[in-house]
Amino acid sequence: MDLVICTQPQANYLIELIKVLPGYQVKRVPEPGVPCDSASYQEWLMIIEDKGIEYKVARVGEEIDLGNEIRTE
């Protein structure tokens, strides 16, 4: 999987993503950078670090290159 996007750091948004990350090779994880100290969010960050997934905070207007001349804004 090239990209998994976390839109909100709250547990109800992360529960399924936390299940997905360990089972797939994910290249990048952009997210909104909203501070959250929940156990689910800390687990999410730990999985990203343990798997060596590229993590970055996405910014308004940022373009993400998905390959094959496909881009998001």
PDB file of N, CA and C in Angstrom:
ATOM      1  N   MET A   1       0.847  -1.155   0.000  1.00  0.00           N
ATOM      2  CA  MET A   1       0.000   0.000   0.000  1.00  0.00           C
ATOM      3  C   MET A   1       0.900   1.227   0.000  1.00  0.00           C
ATOM      4  N   ASP A   2       0.670   2.112  -0.905  1.00  0.00           N
ATOM      5  CA  ASP A   2       1.498   3.310  -0.982  1.00  0.00           C
ATOM      6  C   ASP A   2       1.166   4.324   0.103  1.00  0.00           C
ATOM      7  N   LEU A   3      -0.111   4.416   0.465  1.00  0.00           N
ATOM      8  CA  LEU A   3      -0.540   5.523   1.303  1.00  0.00           C
ATOM      9  C   LEU A   3      -1.710   5.119   2.187  1.00  0.00           C
ATOM     10  N   VAL A   4      -1.632   5.450   3.474  1.00  0.00           N
ATOM     11  CA  VAL A   4      -2.754   5.336   4.399  1.00  0.00           C
ATOM     12  C   VAL A   4      -2.886   6.706   5.039  1.00  0.00           C
ATOM     13  N   ILE A   5      -4.065   7.299   4.954  1.00  0.00           N
ATOM     14  CA  ILE A   5      -4.265   8.649   5.466  1.00  0.00           C
ATOM     15  C   ILE A   5      -5.112   8.606   6.735  1.00  0.00           C
ATOM     16  N   CYS A   6      -4.579   9.188   7.779  1.00  0.00           N
ATOM     17  CA  CYS A   6      -5.304   9.358   9.029  1.00  0.00           C
ATOM     18  C   CYS A   6      -5.922  10.757   8.997  1.00  0.00           C
ATOM     19  N   THR A   7      -7.240  10.832   8.998  1.00  0.00           N
ATOM     20  CA  THR A   7      -7.893  12.138   8.927  1.00  0.00           C
ATOM     21  C   THR A   7      -8.160  12.745  10.300  1.00  0.00           C
ATOM     22  N   GLN A   8      -8.257  11.899  11.329  1.00  0.00           N
ATOM     23  CA  GLN A   8      -8.525  12.352  12.695  1.00  0.00           C
ATOM     24  C   GLN A   8      -7.776  11.431  13.654  1.00  0.00           C
ATOM     25  N   PRO A   9      -7.176  11.951  14.723  1.00  0.00           N
ATOM     26  CA  PRO A   9      -6.437  11.092  15.643  1.00  0.00           C
ATOM     27  C   PRO A   9      -7.302  10.416  16.721  1.00  0.00           C
ATOM     28  N   GLN A  10      -8.594  10.647  16.728  1.00  0.00           N
ATOM     29  CA  GLN A  10      -9.451  10.058  17.747  1.00  0.00           C
ATOM     30  C   GLN A  10      -9.601   8.549  17.512  1.00  0.00           C
ATOM     31  N   ALA A  11      -9.830   7.824  18.599  1.00  0.00           N
ATOM     32  CA  ALA A  11      -9.873   6.358  18.576  1.00  0.00           C
ATOM     33  C   ALA A  11     -10.848   5.799  17.547  1.00  0.00           C
ATOM     34  N   ASN A  12     -12.038   6.377  17.436  1.00  0.00           N
ATOM     35  CA  ASN A  12     -13.024   5.817  16.506  1.00  0.00           C
ATOM     36  C   ASN A  12     -12.571   5.909  15.049  1.00  0.00           C
ATOM     37  N   TYR A  13     -11.644   6.791  14.725  1.00  0.00           N
ATOM     38  CA  TYR A  13     -11.093   6.876  13.375  1.00  0.00           C
ATOM     39  C   TYR A  13      -9.898   5.934  13.216  1.00  0.00           C
ATOM     40  N   LEU A  14      -9.191   5.675  14.301  1.00  0.00           N
ATOM     41  CA  LEU A  14      -7.950   4.907  14.228  1.00  0.00           C
ATOM     42  C   LEU A  14      -8.097   3.409  14.417  1.00  0.00           C
ATOM     43  N   ILE A  15      -9.159   2.963  15.034  1.00  0.00           N
ATOM     44  CA  ILE A  15      -9.291   1.548  15.388  1.00  0.00           C
ATOM     45  C   ILE A  15      -9.031   0.628  14.196  1.00  0.00           C
ATOM     46  N   GLU A  16      -9.655   0.871  13.086  1.00  0.00           N
ATOM     47  CA  GLU A  16      -9.464   0.007  11.920  1.00  0.00           C
ATOM     48  C   GLU A  16      -8.103   0.216  11.270  1.00  0.00           C
ATOM     49  N   LEU A  17      -7.604   1.452  11.268  1.00  0.00           N
ATOM     50  CA  LEU A  17      -6.281   1.703  10.692  1.00  0.00           C
ATOM     51  C   LEU A  17      -5.193   0.997  11.493  1.00  0.00           C
ATOM     52  N   ILE A  18      -5.356   0.933  12.800  1.00  0.00           N
ATOM     53  CA  ILE A  18      -4.402   0.229  13.651  1.00  0.00           C
ATOM     54  C   ILE A  18      -4.376  -1.257  13.292  1.00  0.00           C
ATOM     55  N   LYS A  19      -5.506  -1.805  12.888  1.00  0.00           N
ATOM     56  CA  LYS A  19      -5.564  -3.209  12.466  1.00  0.00           C
ATOM     57  C   LYS A  19      -4.907  -3.414  11.100  1.00  0.00           C
ATOM     58  N   VAL A  20      -4.990  -2.417  10.237  1.00  0.00           N
ATOM     59  CA  VAL A  20      -4.470  -2.528   8.873  1.00  0.00           C
ATOM     60  C   VAL A  20      -2.948  -2.450   8.821  1.00  0.00           C
ATOM     61  N   LEU A  21      -2.365  -1.505   9.523  1.00  0.00           N
ATOM     62  CA  LEU A  21      -0.926  -1.267   9.396  1.00  0.00           C
ATOM     63  C   LEU A  21      -0.048  -2.497   9.606  1.00  0.00           C
ATOM     64  N   PRO A  22      -0.270  -3.312  10.633  1.00  0.00           N
ATOM     65  CA  PRO A  22       0.627  -4.448  10.829  1.00  0.00           C
ATOM     66  C   PRO A  22       0.595  -5.474   9.692  1.00  0.00           C
ATOM     67  N   GLY A  23      -0.508  -5.594   9.001  1.00  0.00           N
ATOM     68  CA  GLY A  23      -0.663  -6.618   7.975  1.00  0.00           C
ATOM     69  C   GLY A  23      -0.237  -6.205   6.578  1.00  0.00           C
ATOM     70  N   TYR A  24       0.132  -4.960   6.397  1.00  0.00           N
ATOM     71  CA  TYR A  24       0.476  -4.460   5.065  1.00  0.00           C
ATOM     72  C   TYR A  24       1.794  -3.711   5.092  1.00  0.00           C
ATOM     73  N   GLN A  25       2.433  -3.677   3.942  1.00  0.00           N
ATOM     74  CA  GLN A  25       3.608  -2.833   3.780  1.00  0.00           C
ATOM     75  C   GLN A  25       3.103  -1.483   3.318  1.00  0.00           C
ATOM     76  N   VAL A  26       3.109  -0.522   4.194  1.00  0.00           N
ATOM     77  CA  VAL A  26       2.626   0.819   3.899  1.00  0.00           C
ATOM     78  C   VAL A  26       3.834   1.728   3.743  1.00  0.00           C
ATOM     79  N   LYS A  27       3.844   2.529   2.679  1.00  0.00           N
ATOM     80  CA  LYS A  27       4.988   3.403   2.422  1.00  0.00           C
ATOM     81  C   LYS A  27       4.903   4.733   3.166  1.00  0.00           C
ATOM     82  N   ARG A  28       3.709   5.344   3.167  1.00  0.00           N
ATOM     83  CA  ARG A  28       3.585   6.699   3.732  1.00  0.00           C
ATOM     84  C   ARG A  28       2.303   6.858   4.528  1.00  0.00           C
ATOM     85  N   VAL A  29       2.387   7.688   5.562  1.00  0.00           N
ATOM     86  CA  VAL A  29       1.217   8.018   6.373  1.00  0.00           C
ATOM     87  C   VAL A  29       1.195   9.525   6.610  1.00  0.00           C
ATOM     88  N   PRO A  30       0.449  10.271   5.780  1.00  0.00           N
ATOM     89  CA  PRO A  30       0.245  11.684   6.096  1.00  0.00           C
ATOM     90  C   PRO A  30      -0.940  11.813   7.060  1.00  0.00           C
ATOM     91  N   GLU A  31      -0.905  12.808   7.902  1.00  0.00           N
ATOM     92  CA  GLU A  31      -2.022  13.048   8.810  1.00  0.00           C
ATOM     93  C   GLU A  31      -2.120  14.530   9.118  1.00  0.00           C
ATOM     94  N   PRO A  32      -3.219  14.972   9.763  1.00  0.00           N
ATOM     95  CA  PRO A  32      -3.437  16.407   9.960  1.00  0.00           C
ATOM     96  C   PRO A  32      -2.573  17.056  11.032  1.00  0.00           C
ATOM     97  N   GLY A  33      -1.907  16.293  11.885  1.00  0.00           N
ATOM     98  CA  GLY A  33      -1.062  16.892  12.913  1.00  0.00           C
ATOM     99  C   GLY A  33      -1.830  17.472  14.077  1.00  0.00           C
ATOM    100  N   VAL A  34      -3.024  16.975  14.309  1.00  0.00           N
ATOM    101  CA  VAL A  34      -3.848  17.416  15.433  1.00  0.00           C
ATOM    102  C   VAL A  34      -3.359  16.692  16.692  1.00  0.00           C
ATOM    103  N   PRO A  35      -2.944  17.424  17.732  1.00  0.00           N
ATOM    104  CA  PRO A  35      -2.436  16.766  18.941  1.00  0.00           C
ATOM    105  C   PRO A  35      -3.495  15.880  19.598  1.00  0.00           C
ATOM    106  N   CYS A  36      -3.051  14.710  20.058  1.00  0.00           N
ATOM    107  CA  CYS A  36      -3.965  13.788  20.728  1.00  0.00           C
ATOM    108  C   CYS A  36      -3.133  12.893  21.637  1.00  0.00           C
ATOM    109  N   ASP A  37      -3.568  12.706  22.864  1.00  0.00           N
ATOM    110  CA  ASP A  37      -2.802  11.872  23.788  1.00  0.00           C
ATOM    111  C   ASP A  37      -3.507  10.559  24.116  1.00  0.00           C
ATOM    112  N   SER A  38      -4.440  10.131  23.272  1.00  0.00           N
ATOM    113  CA  SER A  38      -5.163   8.882  23.523  1.00  0.00           C
ATOM    114  C   SER A  38      -4.235   7.679  23.355  1.00  0.00           C
ATOM    115  N   ALA A  39      -4.591   6.589  24.008  1.00  0.00           N
ATOM    116  CA  ALA A  39      -3.815   5.354  23.895  1.00  0.00           C
ATOM    117  C   ALA A  39      -3.822   4.842  22.456  1.00  0.00           C
ATOM    118  N   SER A  40      -4.940   4.995  21.767  1.00  0.00           N
ATOM    119  CA  SER A  40      -5.035   4.541  20.371  1.00  0.00           C
ATOM    120  C   SER A  40      -4.077   5.317  19.475  1.00  0.00           C
ATOM    121  N   TYR A  41      -4.000   6.614  19.679  1.00  0.00           N
ATOM    122  CA  TYR A  41      -3.103   7.425  18.865  1.00  0.00           C
ATOM    123  C   TYR A  41      -1.643   7.086  19.153  1.00  0.00           C
ATOM    124  N   GLN A  42      -1.318   6.858  20.413  1.00  0.00           N
ATOM    125  CA  GLN A  42       0.050   6.475  20.770  1.00  0.00           C
ATOM    126  C   GLN A  42       0.410   5.123  20.156  1.00  0.00           C
ATOM    127  N   GLU A  43      -0.549   4.196  20.134  1.00  0.00           N
ATOM    128  CA  GLU A  43      -0.322   2.891  19.493  1.00  0.00           C
ATOM    129  C   GLU A  43      -0.096   3.074  17.992  1.00  0.00           C
ATOM    130  N   TRP A  44      -0.901   3.921  17.370  1.00  0.00           N
ATOM    131  CA  TRP A  44      -0.782   4.241  15.951  1.00  0.00           C
ATOM    132  C   TRP A  44       0.627   4.745  15.626  1.00  0.00           C
ATOM    133  N   LEU A  45       1.099   5.710  16.413  1.00  0.00           N
ATOM    134  CA  LEU A  45       2.436   6.264  16.199  1.00  0.00           C
ATOM    135  C   LEU A  45       3.529   5.217  16.419  1.00  0.00           C
ATOM    136  N   MET A  46       3.351   4.346  17.405  1.00  0.00           N
ATOM    137  CA  MET A  46       4.336   3.312  17.687  1.00  0.00           C
ATOM    138  C   MET A  46       4.432   2.315  16.524  1.00  0.00           C
ATOM    139  N   ILE A  47       3.304   1.922  15.959  1.00  0.00           N
ATOM    140  CA  ILE A  47       3.301   1.008  14.813  1.00  0.00           C
ATOM    141  C   ILE A  47       4.020   1.647  13.632  1.00  0.00           C
ATOM    142  N   ILE A  48       3.728   2.914  13.375  1.00  0.00           N
ATOM    143  CA  ILE A  48       4.373   3.638  12.268  1.00  0.00           C
ATOM    144  C   ILE A  48       5.893   3.641  12.466  1.00  0.00           C
ATOM    145  N   GLU A  49       6.321   3.942  13.671  1.00  0.00           N
ATOM    146  CA  GLU A  49       7.761   3.974  13.950  1.00  0.00           C
ATOM    147  C   GLU A  49       8.387   2.583  13.838  1.00  0.00           C
ATOM    148  N   ASP A  50       7.739   1.586  14.434  1.00  0.00           N
ATOM    149  CA  ASP A  50       8.275   0.219  14.415  1.00  0.00           C
ATOM    150  C   ASP A  50       8.416  -0.330  13.003  1.00  0.00           C
ATOM    151  N   LYS A  51       7.480   0.029  12.127  1.00  0.00           N
ATOM    152  CA  LYS A  51       7.510  -0.471  10.754  1.00  0.00           C
ATOM    153  C   LYS A  51       8.342   0.409   9.818  1.00  0.00           C
ATOM    154  N   GLY A  52       8.837   1.527  10.330  1.00  0.00           N
ATOM    155  CA  GLY A  52       9.654   2.419   9.507  1.00  0.00           C
ATOM    156  C   GLY A  52       8.876   3.098   8.392  1.00  0.00           C
ATOM    157  N   ILE A  53       7.605   3.375   8.650  1.00  0.00           N
ATOM    158  CA  ILE A  53       6.742   4.019   7.658  1.00  0.00           C
ATOM    159  C   ILE A  53       7.034   5.516   7.642  1.00  0.00           C
ATOM    160  N   GLU A  54       7.113   6.081   6.435  1.00  0.00           N
ATOM    161  CA  GLU A  54       7.319   7.527   6.311  1.00  0.00           C
ATOM    162  C   GLU A  54       6.095   8.240   6.873  1.00  0.00           C
ATOM    163  N   TYR A  55       6.323   9.115   7.835  1.00  0.00           N
ATOM    164  CA  TYR A  55       5.251   9.837   8.527  1.00  0.00           C
ATOM    165  C   TYR A  55       5.476  11.324   8.357  1.00  0.00           C
ATOM    166  N   LYS A  56       4.423  12.029   8.029  1.00  0.00           N
ATOM    167  CA  LYS A  56       4.547  13.482   7.965  1.00  0.00           C
ATOM    168  C   LYS A  56       3.197  14.130   8.181  1.00  0.00           C
ATOM    169  N   VAL A  57       3.245  15.348   8.653  1.00  0.00           N
ATOM    170  CA  VAL A  57       2.033  16.135   8.828  1.00  0.00           C
ATOM    171  C   VAL A  57       1.730  16.801   7.494  1.00  0.00           C
ATOM    172  N   ALA A  58       0.537  16.562   6.987  1.00  0.00           N
ATOM    173  CA  ALA A  58       0.107  17.159   5.725  1.00  0.00           C
ATOM    174  C   ALA A  58      -0.285  18.617   5.964  1.00  0.00           C
ATOM    175  N   ARG A  59      -0.081  19.422   4.994  1.00  0.00           N
ATOM    176  CA  ARG A  59      -0.395  20.852   5.077  1.00  0.00           C
ATOM    177  C   ARG A  59      -1.448  21.232   4.036  1.00  0.00           C
ATOM    178  N   VAL A  60      -2.228  22.242   4.333  1.00  0.00           N
ATOM    179  CA  VAL A  60      -3.242  22.745   3.417  1.00  0.00           C
ATOM    180  C   VAL A  60      -2.587  23.106   2.085  1.00  0.00           C
ATOM    181  N   GLY A  61      -3.163  22.623   0.997  1.00  0.00           N
ATOM    182  CA  GLY A  61      -2.669  22.936  -0.332  1.00  0.00           C
ATOM    183  C   GLY A  61      -1.503  22.071  -0.780  1.00  0.00           C
ATOM    184  N   GLU A  62      -1.040  21.184   0.090  1.00  0.00           N
ATOM    185  CA  GLU A  62       0.079  20.304  -0.258  1.00  0.00           C
ATOM    186  C   GLU A  62      -0.366  19.278  -1.302  1.00  0.00           C
ATOM    187  N   GLU A  63       0.498  19.024  -2.235  1.00  0.00           N
ATOM    188  CA  GLU A  63       0.229  18.041  -3.271  1.00  0.00           C
ATOM    189  C   GLU A  63       0.916  16.738  -2.897  1.00  0.00           C
ATOM    190  N   ILE A  64       0.210  15.615  -3.020  1.00  0.00           N
ATOM    191  CA  ILE A  64       0.788  14.304  -2.758  1.00  0.00           C
ATOM    192  C   ILE A  64       0.872  13.562  -4.077  1.00  0.00           C
ATOM    193  N   ASP A  65       2.069  13.167  -4.446  1.00  0.00           N
ATOM    194  CA  ASP A  65       2.295  12.442  -5.693  1.00  0.00           C
ATOM    195  C   ASP A  65       2.004  10.963  -5.454  1.00  0.00           C
ATOM    196  N   LEU A  66       1.002  10.425  -6.154  1.00  0.00           N
ATOM    197  CA  LEU A  66       0.605   9.033  -6.008  1.00  0.00           C
ATOM    198  C   LEU A  66       1.234   8.148  -7.080  1.00  0.00           C
ATOM    199  N   GLY A  67       2.036   8.723  -7.955  1.00  0.00           N
ATOM    200  CA  GLY A  67       2.667   7.966  -9.033  1.00  0.00           C
ATOM    201  C   GLY A  67       1.792   7.941 -10.274  1.00  0.00           C
ATOM    202  N   ASN A  68       2.378   7.512 -11.389  1.00  0.00           N
ATOM    203  CA  ASN A  68       1.652   7.441 -12.666  1.00  0.00           C
ATOM    204  C   ASN A  68       0.942   8.747 -13.007  1.00  0.00           C
ATOM    205  N   GLU A  69       1.587   9.857 -12.677  1.00  0.00           N
ATOM    206  CA  GLU A  69       1.074  11.196 -12.953  1.00  0.00           C
ATOM    207  C   GLU A  69      -0.253  11.498 -12.250  1.00  0.00           C
ATOM    208  N   ILE A  70      -0.490  10.834 -11.123  1.00  0.00           N
ATOM    209  CA  ILE A  70      -1.699  11.068 -10.319  1.00  0.00           C
ATOM    210  C   ILE A  70      -1.266  11.819  -9.073  1.00  0.00           C
ATOM    211  N   ARG A  71      -1.962  12.933  -8.790  1.00  0.00           N
ATOM    212  CA  ARG A  71      -1.627  13.752  -7.627  1.00  0.00           C
ATOM    213  C   ARG A  71      -2.895  14.187  -6.895  1.00  0.00           C
ATOM    214  N   THR A  72      -2.759  14.367  -5.600  1.00  0.00           N
ATOM    215  CA  THR A  72      -3.862  14.917  -4.824  1.00  0.00           C
ATOM    216  C   THR A  72      -3.510  16.337  -4.429  1.00  0.00           C
ATOM    217  N   GLU A  73      -4.490  17.108  -4.099  1.00  0.00           N
ATOM    218  CA  GLU A  73      -4.268  18.461  -3.570  1.00  0.00           C
ATOM    219  C   GLU A  73      -5.017  18.608  -2.284  1.00  0.00           C
TER     220      GLU A  73
END
